[in-house]
C-alpha atoms as a PDB file:
ATOM      1  CA  MET A   1      11.607 -45.759  41.132  1.00  0.00           C
ATOM      2  CA  ALA A   2       8.353 -44.062  42.097  1.00  0.00           C
ATOM      3  CA  LYS A   3       5.091 -44.884  40.361  1.00  0.00           C
ATOM      4  CA  LEU A   4       4.061 -41.421  39.234  1.00  0.00           C
ATOM      5  CA  GLY A   5       0.328 -41.996  38.761  1.00  0.00           C
ATOM      6  CA  ARG A   6      -1.948 -40.888  35.935  1.00  0.00           C
ATOM      7  CA  PRO A   7      -2.576 -37.221  35.254  1.00  0.00           C
ATOM      8  CA  LYS A   8      -6.032 -35.973  36.138  1.00  0.00           C
ATOM      9  CA  ILE A   9      -8.196 -33.394  34.412  1.00  0.00           C
ATOM     10  CA  GLY A  10      -6.737 -30.093  35.568  1.00  0.00           C
ATOM     11  CA  ASP A  11      -3.150 -31.426  35.416  1.00  0.00           C
ATOM     12  CA  TYR A  12      -2.926 -30.270  31.800  1.00  0.00           C
ATOM     13  CA  PRO A  13      -4.654 -28.002  29.270  1.00  0.00           C
ATOM     14  CA  PHE A  14      -7.598 -29.634  27.521  1.00  0.00           C
ATOM     15  CA  PHE A  15      -5.905 -29.544  24.084  1.00  0.00           C
ATOM     16  CA  TYR A  16      -3.531 -32.290  25.284  1.00  0.00           C
ATOM     17  CA  GLU A  17      -6.457 -34.635  25.941  1.00  0.00           C
ATOM     18  CA  THR A  18      -6.061 -36.040  22.405  1.00  0.00           C
ATOM     19  CA  TYR A  19      -2.672 -37.463  23.387  1.00  0.00           C
ATOM     20  CA  ILE A  20      -3.273 -38.345  27.027  1.00  0.00           C
ATOM     21  CA  LYS A  21      -6.411 -40.380  26.263  1.00  0.00           C
ATOM     22  CA  LEU A  22      -4.277 -42.623  24.008  1.00  0.00           C
ATOM     23  CA  VAL A  23      -2.333 -43.735  27.086  1.00  0.00           C
ATOM     24  CA  THR A  24      -4.346 -46.292  29.053  1.00  0.00           C
ATOM     25  CA  GLU A  25      -1.419 -47.613  31.083  1.00  0.00           C
ATOM     26  CA  ASP A  26      -0.863 -46.423  34.655  1.00  0.00           C
ATOM     27  CA  ASP A  27       2.895 -46.840  35.083  1.00  0.00           C
ATOM     28  CA  LEU A  28       4.574 -44.027  33.149  1.00  0.00           C
ATOM     29  CA  ASN A  29       8.119 -45.346  33.487  1.00  0.00           C
ATOM     30  CA  LYS A  30       7.222 -48.810  32.231  1.00  0.00           C
ATOM     31  CA  THR A  31       5.021 -47.300  29.523  1.00  0.00           C
ATOM     32  CA  LEU A  32       7.792 -45.023  28.208  1.00  0.00           C
ATOM     33  CA  ARG A  33      10.028 -48.071  27.751  1.00  0.00           C
ATOM     34  CA  GLN A  34       7.252 -50.101  26.108  1.00  0.00           C
ATOM     35  CA  ASN A  35       6.306 -47.159  23.896  1.00  0.00           C
ATOM     36  CA  THR A  36       9.897 -46.885  22.699  1.00  0.00           C
ATOM     37  CA  LYS A  37       9.772 -50.505  21.542  1.00  0.00           C
ATOM     38  CA  GLU A  38       6.316 -49.901  20.025  1.00  0.00           C
ATOM     39  CA  ILE A  39       7.628 -46.940  17.985  1.00  0.00           C
ATOM     40  CA  LEU A  40      10.813 -48.690  16.866  1.00  0.00           C
ATOM     41  CA  ASP A  41       8.876 -51.834  15.876  1.00  0.00           C
ATOM     42  CA  PHE A  42       6.440 -49.659  13.917  1.00  0.00           C
ATOM     43  CA  ILE A  43       9.287 -47.924  12.084  1.00  0.00           C
ATOM     44  CA  ASN A  44      11.087 -51.204  11.315  1.00  0.00           C
ATOM     45  CA  LYS A  45       7.884 -52.756  10.017  1.00  0.00           C
ATOM     46  CA  ASN A  46       7.464 -49.820   7.628  1.00  0.00           C
ATOM     47  CA  LEU A  47      11.025 -49.233   6.421  1.00  0.00           C
ATOM     48  CA  ALA A  48      10.092 -50.260   2.877  1.00  0.00           C
ATOM     49  CA  LYS A  49       7.475 -47.503   2.675  1.00  0.00           C
ATOM     50  CA  ASP A  50       8.204 -44.172   0.991  1.00  0.00           C
ATOM     51  CA  TRP A  51       9.247 -41.922   3.893  1.00  0.00           C
ATOM     52  CA  SER A  52       9.323 -38.874   1.580  1.00  0.00           C
ATOM     53  CA  TYR A  53       5.711 -39.279   0.395  1.00  0.00           C
ATOM     54  CA  ARG A  54       3.086 -36.547   0.961  1.00  0.00           C
ATOM     55  CA  TYR A  55      -0.494 -37.733   0.693  1.00  0.00           C
ATOM     56  CA  GLU A  56      -1.510 -34.129   0.024  1.00  0.00           C
ATOM     57  CA  GLU A  57       0.342 -30.929  -0.811  1.00  0.00           C
ATOM     58  CA  LEU A  58       1.699 -29.186   2.317  1.00  0.00           C
ATOM     59  CA  LYS A  59       1.206 -32.287   4.485  1.00  0.00           C
ATOM     60  CA  TRP A  60       4.252 -33.611   6.287  1.00  0.00           C
ATOM     61  CA  THR A  61       6.211 -36.565   4.994  1.00  0.00           C
ATOM     62  CA  PRO A  62       6.687 -39.519   7.364  1.00  0.00           C
ATOM     63  CA  LYS A  63      10.302 -38.354   7.880  1.00  0.00           C
ATOM     64  CA  GLU A  64       9.078 -34.881   8.825  1.00  0.00           C
ATOM     65  CA  MET A  65       6.522 -36.423  11.160  1.00  0.00           C
ATOM     66  CA  LEU A  66       9.225 -38.473  12.880  1.00  0.00           C
ATOM     67  CA  LEU A  67      11.399 -35.379  13.324  1.00  0.00           C
ATOM     68  CA  HIS A  68       8.351 -33.539  14.693  1.00  0.00           C
ATOM     69  CA  ILE A  69       7.947 -36.341  17.270  1.00  0.00           C
ATOM     70  CA  ILE A  70      11.625 -35.934  18.217  1.00  0.00           C
ATOM     71  CA  ASP A  71      11.402 -32.136  18.486  1.00  0.00           C
ATOM     72  CA  THR A  72       8.239 -32.359  20.560  1.00  0.00           C
ATOM     73  CA  GLU A  73       9.856 -34.933  22.856  1.00  0.00           C
ATOM     74  CA  ARG A  74      12.793 -32.588  23.475  1.00  0.00           C
ATOM     75  CA  ILE A  75      10.528 -29.662  24.248  1.00  0.00           C
ATOM     76  CA  MET A  76       8.120 -31.603  26.478  1.00  0.00           C
ATOM     77  CA  SER A  77      11.009 -33.212  28.368  1.00  0.00           C
ATOM     78  CA  TYR A  78      12.566 -29.806  28.975  1.00  0.00           C
ATOM     79  CA  ARG A  79       9.213 -28.547  30.229  1.00  0.00           C
ATOM     80  CA  ALA A  80       8.942 -31.592  32.505  1.00  0.00           C
ATOM     81  CA  LEU A  81      12.441 -30.954  33.878  1.00  0.00           C
ATOM     82  CA  CYS A  82      11.666 -27.306  34.613  1.00  0.00           C
ATOM     83  CA  THR A  83       8.290 -28.153  36.129  1.00  0.00           C
ATOM     84  CA  SER A  84       9.602 -31.016  38.274  1.00  0.00           C
ATOM     85  CA  ARG A  85      12.281 -28.724  39.721  1.00  0.00           C
ATOM     86  CA  GLY A  86       9.721 -26.102  40.713  1.00  0.00           C
ATOM     87  CA  ASP A  87      10.680 -23.600  38.027  1.00  0.00           C
ATOM     88  CA  ARG A  88       7.662 -21.378  37.378  1.00  0.00           C
ATOM     89  CA  THR A  89       9.274 -19.568  34.457  1.00  0.00           C
ATOM     90  CA  HIS A  90       6.759 -18.946  31.707  1.00  0.00           C
ATOM     91  CA  LEU A  91       8.018 -21.402  29.103  1.00  0.00           C
ATOM     92  CA  PRO A  92       7.130 -20.474  25.527  1.00  0.00           C
ATOM     93  CA  GLY A  93       5.048 -22.437  23.085  1.00  0.00           C
ATOM     94  CA  PHE A  94       6.612 -23.513  19.817  1.00  0.00           C
ATOM     95  CA  ASP A  95       5.601 -23.317  16.186  1.00  0.00           C
ATOM     96  CA  GLN A  96       5.603 -26.986  15.177  1.00  0.00           C
ATOM     97  CA  LYS A  97       5.000 -26.071  11.534  1.00  0.00           C
ATOM     98  CA  GLY A  98       7.983 -23.722  11.541  1.00  0.00           C
ATOM     99  CA  TYR A  99      10.193 -26.319  13.201  1.00  0.00           C
ATOM    100  CA  VAL A 100       9.422 -28.807  10.435  1.00  0.00           C
ATOM    101  CA  GLU A 101       9.757 -26.241   7.644  1.00  0.00           C
ATOM    102  CA  ASN A 102      13.159 -25.130   8.946  1.00  0.00           C
ATOM    103  CA  SER A 103      14.532 -28.605   9.629  1.00  0.00           C
ATOM    104  CA  ASP A 104      15.733 -29.559   6.136  1.00  0.00           C
ATOM    105  CA  CYS A 105      14.624 -33.049   7.153  1.00  0.00           C
ATOM    106  CA  THR A 106      14.138 -34.268   3.591  1.00  0.00           C
ATOM    107  CA  LYS A 107      17.903 -34.717   3.241  1.00  0.00           C
ATOM    108  CA  ARG A 108      18.116 -36.978   6.285  1.00  0.00           C
ATOM    109  CA  SER A 109      17.965 -40.736   6.302  1.00  0.00           C
ATOM    110  CA  VAL A 110      15.361 -42.629   8.284  1.00  0.00           C
ATOM    111  CA  ALA A 111      18.269 -44.324  10.105  1.00  0.00           C
ATOM    112  CA  SER A 112      19.614 -40.969  11.305  1.00  0.00           C
ATOM    113  CA  LEU A 113      16.175 -39.991  12.580  1.00  0.00           C
ATOM    114  CA  VAL A 114      15.795 -43.331  14.375  1.00  0.00           C
ATOM    115  CA  ALA A 115      19.191 -42.869  16.064  1.00  0.00           C
ATOM    116  CA  GLU A 116      18.206 -39.377  17.165  1.00  0.00           C
ATOM    117  CA  PHE A 117      14.837 -40.602  18.452  1.00  0.00           C
ATOM    118  CA  LYS A 118      16.526 -43.322  20.531  1.00  0.00           C
ATOM    119  CA  SER A 119      18.913 -40.807  22.051  1.00  0.00           C
ATOM    120  CA  VAL A 120      16.222 -38.288  22.924  1.00  0.00           C
ATOM    121  CA  ARG A 121      13.836 -40.953  24.232  1.00  0.00           C
ATOM    122  CA  ASN A 122      16.539 -42.505  26.431  1.00  0.00           C
ATOM    123  CA  ALA A 123      17.129 -39.094  28.013  1.00  0.00           C
ATOM    124  CA  SER A 124      13.375 -38.759  28.662  1.00  0.00           C
ATOM    125  CA  ILE A 125      13.235 -42.231  30.201  1.00  0.00           C
ATOM    126  CA  SER A 126      16.102 -41.327  32.520  1.00  0.00           C
ATOM    127  CA  LEU A 127      14.427 -38.053  33.540  1.00  0.00           C
ATOM    128  CA  PHE A 128      11.132 -39.705  34.489  1.00  0.00           C
ATOM    129  CA  LYS A 129      12.752 -42.814  36.005  1.00  0.00           C
ATOM    130  CA  ASN A 130      14.446 -40.629  38.580  1.00  0.00           C
ATOM    131  CA  MET A 131      11.512 -38.303  39.217  1.00  0.00           C
ATOM    132  CA  SER A 132       9.738 -38.553  42.563  1.00  0.00           C
ATOM    133  CA  ARG A 133       5.945 -38.426  42.843  1.00  0.00           C
ATOM    134  CA  LYS A 134       6.292 -34.988  44.455  1.00  0.00           C
ATOM    135  CA  GLU A 135       8.318 -33.739  41.483  1.00  0.00           C
ATOM    136  CA  ALA A 136       5.901 -35.319  38.990  1.00  0.00           C
ATOM    137  CA  ASP A 137       2.932 -33.588  40.638  1.00  0.00           C
ATOM    138  CA  ARG A 138       4.496 -30.123  40.508  1.00  0.00           C
ATOM    139  CA  VAL A 139       2.769 -27.614  38.293  1.00  0.00           C
ATOM    140  CA  GLY A 140       4.653 -25.571  35.740  1.00  0.00           C
ATOM    141  CA  TYR A 141       3.648 -22.964  33.231  1.00  0.00           C
ATOM    142  CA  ALA A 142       4.172 -23.646  29.529  1.00  0.00           C
ATOM    143  CA  ASN A 143       2.567 -22.071  26.493  1.00  0.00           C
ATOM    144  CA  ALA A 144       0.476 -19.839  28.803  1.00  0.00           C
ATOM    145  CA  GLN A 145      -1.067 -22.891  30.550  1.00  0.00           C
ATOM    146  CA  ASN A 146      -0.533 -24.790  33.798  1.00  0.00           C
ATOM    147  CA  ILE A 147       0.690 -28.361  33.414  1.00  0.00           C
ATOM    148  CA  THR A 148       2.208 -31.032  35.662  1.00  0.00           C
ATOM    149  CA  ALA A 149       5.445 -32.840  34.935  1.00  0.00           C
ATOM    150  CA  LYS A 150       3.683 -36.218  34.848  1.00  0.00           C
ATOM    151  CA  ALA A 151       1.143 -34.935  32.298  1.00  0.00           C
ATOM    152  CA  LEU A 152       4.089 -33.985  30.095  1.00  0.00           C
ATOM    153  CA  GLY A 153       5.386 -37.544  30.443  1.00  0.00           C
ATOM    154  CA  TYR A 154       2.058 -38.976  29.316  1.00  0.00           C
ATOM    155  CA  ILE A 155       2.093 -36.613  26.333  1.00  0.00           C
ATOM    156  CA  LEU A 156       5.458 -38.151  25.358  1.00  0.00           C
ATOM    157  CA  VAL A 157       3.660 -41.484  24.945  1.00  0.00           C
ATOM    158  CA  GLY A 158       0.371 -40.299  23.452  1.00  0.00           C
ATOM    159  CA  HIS A 159       1.825 -37.873  20.931  1.00  0.00           C
ATOM    160  CA  PRO A 160       3.750 -40.516  18.926  1.00  0.00           C
ATOM    161  CA  ARG A 161       0.754 -42.870  19.144  1.00  0.00           C
ATOM    162  CA  HIS A 162      -1.383 -40.157  17.573  1.00  0.00           C
ATOM    163  CA  HIS A 163       1.082 -39.745  14.711  1.00  0.00           C
ATOM    164  CA  MET A 164       1.371 -43.503  14.202  1.00  0.00           C
ATOM    165  CA  GLN A 165      -2.416 -43.534  13.749  1.00  0.00           C
ATOM    166  CA  VAL A 166      -2.067 -40.807  11.111  1.00  0.00           C
ATOM    167  CA  LEU A 167       0.636 -42.818   9.354  1.00  0.00           C
ATOM    168  CA  ILE A 168      -1.650 -45.848   9.292  1.00  0.00           C
ATOM    169  CA  GLU A 169      -4.723 -43.941   8.091  1.00  0.00           C
ATOM    170  CA  LYS A 170      -3.172 -41.505   5.609  1.00  0.00           C
ATOM    171  CA  TYR A 171       0.079 -43.147   4.532  1.00  0.00           C
ATOM    172  CA  HIS A 172      -1.028 -46.797   4.631  1.00  0.00           C
ATOM    173  CA  PHE A 173       1.640 -47.823   7.116  1.00  0.00           C
ATOM    174  CA  GLU A 174       1.039 -51.024   9.046  1.00  0.00           C
END
C-alpha cells in the first residue's frame, strides 16, 4: 500500500480548499478508515436527534445531508478512478441541490442511509488502498477543472467533516 502524499495547491481547484484544509493527516488510506469510524461514531452519538428537522426553510435535513455526503462520495470516487487510470474525459459537474431534491430521502430511515454510506465508503477505501503514487498524482478533468486523484481522496474526508461541523453548529448535534 503506497503512501499517496498530501495534495498541493494546484492539485485541485481552489473551491475545494474548504474541505482539504479540514484534513491535517498525511496518510490518506489510514485517514479514510479513521474518518469512517469518526462519521459512524458521530451518527451513533446523534441517533436520538430529529433527522428530519430543518433549522430554516429550504435547508437540508440531517438525512438529506447524509445522502448528499453519500452521493458526493460516489461522484468523487468515480472521478478519482477515471483520473487515476489516465482518463482525460471531461467529467461533468453535478447539481447537488437537484440530487437532494430528487432523492425522496425523507422516506428513508437513518439505518438505510448508514448502510449505504458504509458500502460506498468501503468501495472508496478499496480504490485508494490499491492506488499507486503514480496513479494518485495523475491529473484529470472534472467540472471544467484539473484535479488529481489524491486530491479527490482528501475531499472524501474533508467534505463529511465540513457537514458534521454544520450539524453541530446548526442542528445542535454533538
